[in-house]
Amino acid sequence: MSPLSRPRAGRRTIAGAVLVLGLGAAALAPVQTATSAPVPAPVDGVYDVLGKTWGVTPAQAKARLDAEHRLASALESAQKATQKAAQQATPKAAQSASPELDGAFFNSARELVVNVHSAEAAEVARDHGLTPRTVARGEKALTKLQKQVEALATASGSTQVQSIGTDLPTDRVQVVLQPGRQSAKTVALVNRLKAVPGVDVSTNTTTLTMTYDVIGGQIMDLVPGTNCSLGYSGTRNGNNVMLSAGHCVEGNPMVQNRYGQRLGVGIASRFRTGSPSVDMGLMDIDSTNVGRGYIDNRNGQTTRVTGSSKAPVGSTICKAGNTTGWTCGNITNYNLTVNYGGAGGSITRTSGLARSTVCTEGGDSGGAYISGTIAQGMTSGGPNDGHDCGWNQGGNATGSYSFYQPVVDAASYYGVTLTLG
């Protein structure tokens, strides 16, 4: 696969990146040092910003998000019901038509559409207020197809693949190439992929990159010399920690806040420059500091963290970061594999990422993504195309996209319980 630019550092840009890793500031639950200013009481500051974006009142914005979350909860109930039915089905019936749901996403009408392969599954979906559709593949088949495509890309020797991932709304696997003239290996790969049913190939107009820069959404100053944004505070074995983008804490750097006060130190990362990676990591918060159960959304308010999830594709999501503040959009994909390019021509294949239409820039890396008050993930990277998100533009920072590490996966892997507000 071809390289995406690595995340951009807040103070220096990593050259040669196709995808940008970690965008500067992360939106984590604020961490307070003994000498820092008091942290304001948490309020749900997400709704006024979204209301301005959508042209509605904060109360109406809250109603829309609440409706999304009710449907997401209904989806969980429907999945349990269909899974139970699948366990009780006879082997012959299970082979003919699966009674389970097979992926879900919000459409433009804000309906939660679920993929089904049987009349029984469709009935369960409708009973839970969901919108069923029958598809040729579905999430499980797409996941298998994605693995096949990734194997073909690896075997081809092409270095021009930016990303490979499933797209639930189209029921297809999307392969994106980096811009520029295609090599002979890439041409051969494209010809082979075009013959695979359910696969689309397109070429991006820009490269990708990563970024670096601990109060949630505030600067994560790394020593030496780079910066990210803070992610989500939590506990592990009784110890205060913070979940972050792995590339932010690669090498276990010491972490400071904007005043130069020490917050903690990186203790774990699954990101290894130049090697197959997952962009999740962990910072130990010093005993003199406190991890909070809310994030600083950079507009004078904070947003409580009341839980965590992988919201359905199409869900509204916002992120707080040190470089661009509060920007919003929608979830578009899960389980993407992207290639981040770095200094010296290194390529870091990074798997397990989600993609959204949220605008980010260098220094936002590690920052917190949240849907209402439900934690979603930490900024990983985005396009290296010189775009300008502006500051605190909410959903008006359009025309870009970003990748993030789902917080549910990181918390599960490291055994972290998120701190709630």
Protein backbone atom coordinates (compact mmCIF):
# COMPACT_ATOMS: atom_id res chain seq x y z
CA MET A 1 0.00 0.00 0.00
CA SER A 2 1.16 3.51 -0.63
CA PRO A 3 2.15 5.92 2.10
CA LEU A 4 -0.12 8.56 3.61
CA SER A 5 1.60 11.50 5.17
CA ARG A 6 2.42 11.13 8.81
CA PRO A 7 0.62 13.30 11.34
CA ARG A 8 1.93 16.83 11.35
CA ALA A 9 3.70 18.12 14.41
CA GLY A 10 2.41 21.30 15.94
CA ARG A 11 5.82 22.92 15.84
CA ARG A 12 7.38 21.21 12.91
CA THR A 13 5.96 19.35 9.95
CA ILE A 14 7.13 15.85 9.23
CA ALA A 15 8.28 15.92 5.64
CA GLY A 16 7.34 13.47 2.96
CA ALA A 17 3.98 12.60 4.43
CA VAL A 18 1.15 11.51 2.26
CA LEU A 19 -1.23 11.18 5.20
CA VAL A 20 -0.84 13.35 8.20
CA LEU A 21 -0.76 11.52 11.50
CA GLY A 22 -2.04 12.97 14.70
CA LEU A 23 -3.34 16.47 14.36
CA GLY A 24 -1.96 18.66 17.08
CA ALA A 25 -4.26 19.15 20.02
CA ALA A 26 -6.49 16.48 21.41
CA ALA A 27 -9.68 16.93 23.37
CA LEU A 28 -9.18 14.85 26.50
CA ALA A 29 -10.75 15.25 29.85
CA PRO A 30 -8.88 18.19 31.33
CA VAL A 31 -5.88 17.31 33.43
CA GLN A 32 -5.08 19.78 36.21
CA THR A 33 -1.73 20.32 37.89
CA ALA A 34 -1.49 21.43 41.46
CA THR A 35 -0.45 24.90 40.32
CA SER A 36 -2.73 25.34 37.29
CA ALA A 37 -5.84 27.51 37.22
CA PRO A 38 -9.11 25.96 38.45
CA VAL A 39 -10.96 23.95 35.84
CA PRO A 40 -14.48 25.26 35.09
CA ALA A 41 -17.42 23.07 35.99
CA PRO A 42 -18.47 20.88 33.06
CA VAL A 43 -21.41 21.96 30.94
CA ASP A 44 -22.68 20.49 27.71
CA GLY A 45 -21.22 23.10 25.37
CA VAL A 46 -21.60 20.98 22.26
CA TYR A 47 -25.19 21.93 21.48
CA ASP A 48 -24.82 25.67 20.93
CA VAL A 49 -22.04 25.18 18.39
CA LEU A 50 -23.96 22.49 16.51
CA GLY A 51 -27.09 24.61 16.64
CA LYS A 52 -25.31 27.46 14.87
CA THR A 53 -23.99 25.04 12.27
CA TRP A 54 -27.42 23.56 11.58
CA GLY A 55 -29.32 26.84 11.88
CA VAL A 56 -31.35 25.69 14.88
CA THR A 57 -31.50 26.42 18.61
CA PRO A 58 -29.25 24.56 21.07
CA ALA A 59 -32.35 22.73 22.34
CA GLN A 60 -33.19 21.57 18.80
CA ALA A 61 -29.57 20.48 18.24
CA LYS A 62 -29.72 18.45 21.46
CA ALA A 63 -32.98 16.87 20.31
CA ARG A 64 -31.34 15.79 17.04
CA LEU A 65 -28.36 14.24 18.78
CA ASP A 66 -30.61 12.58 21.35
CA ALA A 67 -32.62 11.07 18.48
CA GLU A 68 -29.41 9.66 16.96
CA HIS A 69 -28.44 8.14 20.29
CA ARG A 70 -31.90 6.60 20.82
CA LEU A 71 -31.65 4.91 17.43
CA ALA A 72 -28.12 3.73 18.25
CA SER A 73 -29.46 2.18 21.47
CA ALA A 74 -32.32 0.59 19.52
CA LEU A 75 -29.72 -0.89 17.17
CA GLU A 76 -27.94 -2.55 20.09
CA SER A 77 -31.23 -4.08 21.27
CA ALA A 78 -32.08 -5.28 17.76
CA GLN A 79 -28.63 -6.82 17.37
CA LYS A 80 -29.05 -8.78 20.60
CA ALA A 81 -32.45 -10.03 19.43
CA THR A 82 -31.17 -11.16 16.02
CA GLN A 83 -28.05 -12.73 17.51
CA LYS A 84 -30.27 -14.78 19.82
CA ALA A 85 -32.37 -15.84 16.84
CA ALA A 86 -29.22 -16.86 14.96
CA GLN A 87 -28.07 -19.04 17.86
CA GLN A 88 -31.45 -20.79 17.91
CA ALA A 89 -31.66 -21.29 14.14
CA THR A 90 -31.11 -24.75 12.68
CA PRO A 91 -27.90 -25.26 10.65
CA LYS A 92 -29.94 -25.48 7.43
CA ALA A 93 -31.81 -22.24 8.16
CA ALA A 94 -28.61 -20.44 9.12
CA GLN A 95 -27.07 -21.30 5.78
CA SER A 96 -30.05 -20.07 3.73
CA ALA A 97 -30.59 -16.60 5.15
CA SER A 98 -28.93 -15.07 8.21
CA PRO A 99 -31.39 -13.67 10.77
CA GLU A 100 -28.74 -11.23 12.03
CA LEU A 101 -28.23 -7.55 11.22
CA ASP A 102 -25.16 -6.89 9.09
CA GLY A 103 -24.00 -3.30 9.51
CA ALA A 104 -25.79 0.04 9.98
CA PHE A 105 -25.48 3.71 9.01
CA PHE A 106 -27.46 6.96 9.16
CA ASN A 107 -28.77 8.19 5.81
CA SER A 108 -29.40 11.80 4.75
CA ALA A 109 -32.91 11.64 6.26
CA ARG A 110 -31.31 10.70 9.62
CA GLU A 111 -32.83 7.21 9.47
CA LEU A 112 -30.67 4.43 10.87
CA VAL A 113 -30.45 1.97 7.96
CA VAL A 114 -29.49 -1.64 8.75
CA ASN A 115 -28.33 -4.32 6.31
CA VAL A 116 -30.34 -7.55 6.40
CA HIS A 117 -30.37 -10.86 4.54
CA SER A 118 -33.72 -12.26 5.66
CA ALA A 119 -37.33 -11.27 6.21
CA GLU A 120 -36.95 -12.17 9.90
CA ALA A 121 -34.07 -9.71 10.37
CA ALA A 122 -36.00 -6.99 8.51
CA GLU A 123 -38.99 -7.47 10.79
CA VAL A 124 -36.84 -7.16 13.92
CA ALA A 125 -35.26 -3.99 12.54
CA ARG A 126 -38.63 -2.39 11.83
CA ASP A 127 -39.94 -3.39 15.26
CA HIS A 128 -37.05 -1.38 16.78
CA GLY A 129 -37.66 1.73 14.67
CA LEU A 130 -34.83 0.98 12.23
CA THR A 131 -34.88 1.00 8.42
CA PRO A 132 -33.91 -2.38 6.91
CA ARG A 133 -32.43 -2.90 3.43
CA THR A 134 -31.37 -6.08 1.68
CA VAL A 135 -27.81 -5.96 0.32
CA ALA A 136 -25.55 -8.13 -1.80
CA ARG A 137 -22.71 -8.18 0.71
CA GLY A 138 -23.11 -6.45 4.10
CA GLU A 139 -20.54 -5.63 6.78
CA LYS A 140 -19.24 -9.18 7.39
CA ALA A 141 -18.68 -9.93 3.70
CA LEU A 142 -17.13 -6.49 3.15
CA THR A 143 -14.67 -7.10 5.98
CA LYS A 144 -13.55 -10.37 4.35
CA LEU A 145 -13.30 -8.65 0.97
CA GLN A 146 -11.21 -5.85 2.48
CA LYS A 147 -8.69 -8.38 3.79
CA GLN A 148 -8.46 -9.94 0.33
CA VAL A 149 -7.86 -6.53 -1.24
CA GLU A 150 -5.20 -5.67 1.35
CA ALA A 151 -3.42 -8.93 0.55
CA LEU A 152 -3.49 -8.12 -3.17
CA ALA A 153 -2.12 -4.63 -2.50
CA THR A 154 0.69 -6.01 -0.38
CA ALA A 155 1.62 -8.67 -2.93
CA SER A 156 1.62 -6.10 -5.76
CA GLY A 157 4.55 -4.16 -4.32
CA SER A 158 2.79 -0.86 -5.11
CA THR A 159 3.59 2.06 -2.80
CA GLN A 160 0.78 4.25 -4.11
CA VAL A 161 -2.21 2.97 -2.11
CA GLN A 162 -3.40 5.54 0.42
CA SER A 163 -6.22 3.67 2.08
CA ILE A 164 -8.41 0.58 1.88
CA GLY A 165 -11.71 0.32 3.70
CA THR A 166 -15.34 -0.71 3.60
CA ASP A 167 -18.12 1.74 2.71
CA LEU A 168 -21.43 0.61 4.21
CA PRO A 169 -23.77 2.99 2.32
CA THR A 170 -22.51 1.78 -1.08
CA ASP A 171 -21.92 -1.80 0.12
CA ARG A 172 -18.48 -1.79 -1.48
CA VAL A 173 -14.77 -1.72 -0.60
CA GLN A 174 -13.09 1.57 -1.50
CA VAL A 175 -9.43 1.68 -2.53
CA VAL A 176 -7.89 5.16 -2.70
CA LEU A 177 -4.58 5.85 -4.47
CA GLN A 178 -2.26 8.74 -3.79
CA PRO A 179 -2.03 11.47 -6.47
CA GLY A 180 0.57 11.31 -9.22
CA ARG A 181 1.48 9.12 -12.14
CA GLN A 182 0.86 5.45 -11.49
CA SER A 183 3.77 3.03 -11.52
CA ALA A 184 3.65 -0.20 -13.50
CA LYS A 185 2.99 -2.11 -10.25
CA THR A 186 0.10 0.19 -9.41
CA VAL A 187 -1.40 -0.13 -12.90
CA ALA A 188 -1.23 -3.92 -12.61
CA LEU A 189 -2.88 -3.77 -9.17
CA VAL A 190 -5.67 -1.48 -10.41
CA ASN A 191 -6.40 -3.79 -13.35
CA ARG A 192 -6.63 -6.73 -11.00
CA LEU A 193 -8.87 -4.87 -8.53
CA LYS A 194 -11.26 -3.77 -11.27
CA ALA A 195 -12.00 -7.42 -11.90
CA VAL A 196 -13.01 -8.00 -8.27
CA PRO A 197 -16.78 -7.57 -7.67
CA GLY A 198 -17.60 -5.00 -5.00
CA VAL A 199 -14.34 -3.03 -5.22
CA ASP A 200 -14.02 0.63 -6.33
CA VAL A 201 -10.69 2.33 -7.05
CA SER A 202 -10.21 6.11 -7.02
CA THR A 203 -7.28 8.56 -6.85
CA ASN A 204 -7.01 11.26 -4.21
CA THR A 205 -6.06 14.83 -5.09
CA THR A 206 -3.76 15.23 -2.09
CA THR A 207 -1.38 13.38 0.16
CA LEU A 208 -2.03 12.56 3.83
CA THR A 209 -0.15 13.45 6.99
CA MET A 210 -0.09 13.11 10.80
CA THR A 211 0.26 15.68 13.56
CA TYR A 212 1.54 16.08 17.16
CA ASP A 213 0.61 18.57 20.31
CA VAL A 214 -2.98 17.23 28.65
CA ILE A 215 -6.44 19.12 29.47
CA GLY A 216 -8.82 17.50 27.01
CA GLY A 217 -8.59 19.34 23.73
CA GLN A 218 -5.65 21.40 24.97
CA ILE A 219 -2.01 21.20 23.98
CA MET A 220 -0.02 18.07 24.73
CA ASP A 221 3.51 19.45 24.68
CA LEU A 222 5.97 16.64 24.02
CA VAL A 223 9.61 16.79 25.07
CA PRO A 224 11.61 17.06 22.95
CA GLY A 225 10.15 19.42 20.41
CA THR A 226 6.74 18.34 19.12
CA ASN A 227 3.15 18.66 20.27
CA CYS A 228 -0.23 16.92 20.07
CA SER A 229 -3.59 17.33 21.76
CA LEU A 230 -4.82 15.57 24.88
CA GLY A 231 -7.19 12.62 24.64
CA TYR A 232 -9.35 10.78 27.19
CA SER A 233 -8.53 10.36 30.86
CA GLY A 234 -9.17 7.07 32.59
CA THR A 235 -7.89 4.57 35.12
CA ARG A 236 -6.02 1.29 34.78
CA ASN A 237 -5.38 -0.87 37.83
CA GLY A 238 -6.21 2.14 39.99
CA ASN A 239 -3.69 4.39 38.22
CA ASN A 240 -4.61 7.61 36.38
CA VAL A 241 -3.79 7.41 32.67
CA MET A 242 -4.72 9.06 29.39
CA LEU A 243 -5.55 7.37 26.08
CA SER A 244 -3.85 9.03 23.12
CA ALA A 245 -2.89 8.55 19.50
CA GLY A 246 0.00 6.10 19.46
CA HIS A 247 2.24 8.28 17.30
CA CYS A 248 2.01 11.06 19.90
CA VAL A 249 3.57 8.93 22.64
CA GLU A 250 5.89 6.79 20.50
CA GLY A 251 9.22 6.69 22.33
CA ASN A 252 7.58 7.50 25.71
CA PRO A 253 8.09 11.30 25.71
CA MET A 254 7.63 13.52 28.75
CA VAL A 255 4.38 15.51 28.46
CA GLN A 256 3.81 19.13 29.52
CA ASN A 257 0.91 21.58 29.37
CA ARG A 258 1.05 25.00 27.72
CA TYR A 259 2.68 26.49 30.82
CA GLY A 260 5.57 24.03 30.70
CA GLN A 261 4.25 22.11 33.71
CA ARG A 262 4.78 18.38 33.61
CA LEU A 263 1.59 16.32 33.21
CA GLY A 264 3.04 12.83 32.84
CA VAL A 265 4.95 10.57 30.50
CA GLY A 266 4.15 8.20 27.64
CA ILE A 267 4.24 4.55 28.73
CA ALA A 268 2.89 2.54 25.80
CA SER A 269 2.33 2.84 22.04
CA ARG A 270 1.30 0.44 19.30
CA PHE A 271 2.62 2.86 16.68
CA ARG A 272 6.03 2.03 15.21
CA THR A 273 7.27 4.30 12.45
CA GLY A 274 7.96 2.25 9.34
CA SER A 275 6.23 -0.90 10.62
CA PRO A 276 2.62 -2.18 10.57
CA SER A 277 0.91 -0.29 13.38
CA VAL A 278 -2.21 0.65 15.28
CA ASP A 279 -2.42 4.32 16.28
CA MET A 280 -3.23 3.92 19.99
CA GLY A 281 -1.08 4.75 22.98
CA LEU A 282 -1.11 5.47 26.68
CA MET A 283 0.24 8.25 28.91
CA ASP A 284 0.72 7.91 32.65
CA ILE A 285 -0.66 10.98 34.46
CA ASP A 286 1.59 12.10 37.33
CA SER A 287 0.14 11.55 40.81
CA THR A 288 0.07 15.33 41.39
CA ASN A 289 -2.33 15.81 38.46
CA VAL A 290 -5.99 14.93 38.01
CA GLY A 291 -7.67 13.44 34.95
CA ARG A 292 -11.16 14.88 34.46
CA GLY A 293 -14.30 13.36 32.98
CA TYR A 294 -14.90 16.09 30.42
CA ILE A 295 -13.16 17.80 27.52
CA ASP A 296 -12.33 21.43 26.80
CA ASN A 297 -14.17 22.27 23.58
CA ARG A 298 -12.09 25.43 23.23
CA ASN A 299 -14.93 27.95 23.25
CA GLY A 300 -15.00 28.70 26.96
CA GLN A 301 -17.06 25.62 27.74
CA THR A 302 -16.52 21.97 28.50
CA THR A 303 -18.41 18.85 27.48
CA ARG A 304 -19.01 15.98 29.90
CA VAL A 305 -18.01 12.44 28.99
CA THR A 306 -20.87 10.12 29.93
CA GLY A 307 -19.80 6.98 28.10
CA SER A 308 -18.06 5.62 25.01
CA SER A 309 -19.16 3.79 21.86
CA LYS A 310 -18.65 3.24 18.17
CA ALA A 311 -21.57 5.32 16.93
CA PRO A 312 -23.17 4.17 13.65
CA VAL A 313 -21.77 5.45 10.34
CA GLY A 314 -23.39 8.80 9.57
CA SER A 315 -23.59 9.86 13.24
CA THR A 316 -22.79 13.46 14.14
CA ILE A 317 -19.36 13.81 15.72
CA CYS A 318 -17.18 16.72 16.91
CA LYS A 319 -13.58 16.98 18.02
CA ALA A 320 -11.59 19.32 20.24
CA GLY A 321 -7.99 20.05 19.34
CA ASN A 322 -5.27 22.55 20.11
CA THR A 323 -4.84 23.77 16.53
CA THR A 324 -8.39 24.03 15.18
CA GLY A 325 -10.51 23.98 18.32
CA TRP A 326 -14.03 22.61 17.92
CA THR A 327 -14.91 21.16 14.51
CA CYS A 328 -17.75 18.81 13.61
CA GLY A 329 -18.92 16.44 10.89
CA ASN A 330 -20.12 12.85 10.46
CA ILE A 331 -18.60 9.38 10.76
CA THR A 332 -18.09 7.86 7.30
CA ASN A 333 -16.11 4.60 7.75
CA TYR A 334 -14.71 2.15 10.28
CA ASN A 335 -11.80 -0.31 10.17
CA LEU A 336 -9.77 1.55 7.58
CA THR A 337 -6.17 0.69 6.81
CA VAL A 338 -4.13 3.73 5.75
CA ASN A 339 -0.51 4.31 4.82
CA TYR A 340 1.15 7.24 6.55
CA GLY A 341 4.32 8.55 4.93
CA GLY A 342 7.09 9.99 7.08
CA ALA A 343 10.56 11.45 7.10
CA GLY A 344 13.10 9.61 5.00
CA GLY A 345 10.42 7.98 2.89
CA SER A 346 9.21 5.63 5.62
CA ILE A 347 5.73 4.13 5.27
CA THR A 348 3.66 3.18 8.30
CA ARG A 349 0.67 0.97 7.53
CA THR A 350 -1.90 1.83 10.19
CA SER A 351 -5.01 -0.28 10.69
CA GLY A 352 -8.23 -0.09 12.69
CA LEU A 353 -8.92 3.60 12.02
CA ALA A 354 -12.24 5.37 11.58
CA ARG A 355 -12.79 8.22 9.12
CA SER A 356 -15.00 11.30 9.47
CA THR A 357 -15.74 14.58 7.70
CA VAL A 358 -14.38 16.49 10.71
CA CYS A 359 -11.70 19.03 9.73
CA THR A 360 -8.36 18.80 11.53
CA GLU A 361 -4.84 20.18 11.15
CA GLY A 362 -1.37 19.52 12.49
CA GLY A 363 -1.26 19.60 16.28
CA ASP A 364 -4.79 18.19 16.67
CA SER A 365 -3.45 14.61 16.92
CA GLY A 366 -4.61 12.76 19.99
CA GLY A 367 -7.54 15.15 20.39
CA ALA A 368 -10.93 13.88 21.47
CA TYR A 369 -13.82 13.02 19.13
CA ILE A 370 -17.22 12.93 20.79
CA SER A 371 -20.85 12.43 19.75
CA GLY A 372 -22.92 14.54 22.11
CA THR A 373 -21.40 13.38 25.39
CA ILE A 374 -20.37 9.90 24.19
CA ALA A 375 -16.61 9.50 23.60
CA GLN A 376 -15.66 8.21 20.13
CA GLY A 377 -11.90 8.45 19.59
CA MET A 378 -8.62 10.34 19.26
CA THR A 379 -7.32 12.18 16.18
CA SER A 380 -4.83 10.19 14.10
CA GLY A 381 -4.27 12.05 10.81
CA GLY A 382 -5.66 13.59 7.66
CA PRO A 383 -4.87 15.07 4.23
CA ASN A 384 -1.68 17.03 3.74
CA ASP A 385 -3.22 19.52 1.29
CA GLY A 386 -2.74 22.88 3.00
CA HIS A 387 -6.42 23.19 3.97
CA ASP A 388 -7.40 25.71 6.68
CA CYS A 389 -10.11 24.60 9.11
CA GLY A 390 -10.25 27.96 10.85
CA TRP A 391 -10.79 28.12 14.60
CA ASN A 392 -13.90 26.75 16.36
CA GLN A 393 -15.83 26.52 13.10
CA GLY A 394 -18.01 23.61 14.23
CA GLY A 395 -19.60 21.97 11.20
CA ASN A 396 -18.76 24.99 9.05
CA ALA A 397 -15.16 23.78 8.71
CA THR A 398 -16.07 21.82 5.60
CA GLY A 399 -14.22 20.34 2.65
CA SER A 400 -11.82 18.09 4.53
CA TYR A 401 -11.72 14.82 6.46
CA SER A 402 -9.72 13.07 9.15
CA PHE A 403 -8.90 9.67 10.61
CA TYR A 404 -9.24 8.77 14.28
CA GLN A 405 -8.51 5.87 16.59
CA PRO A 406 -11.77 4.57 18.12
CA VAL A 407 -11.55 5.00 21.90
CA VAL A 408 -13.51 1.79 22.57
CA ASP A 409 -10.78 -0.29 20.90
CA ALA A 410 -7.96 1.53 22.71
CA ALA A 411 -9.65 1.28 26.12
CA SER A 412 -10.31 -2.42 25.58
CA TYR A 413 -6.75 -3.17 24.49
CA TYR A 414 -5.11 -1.32 27.40
CA GLY A 415 -7.73 -2.25 30.02
CA VAL A 416 -8.67 1.39 30.68
CA THR A 417 -11.92 2.59 32.25
CA LEU A 418 -12.77 6.08 31.03
CA THR A 419 -13.22 8.82 33.62
CA LEU A 420 -16.81 10.09 33.35
CA GLY A 421 -18.21 13.51 34.18
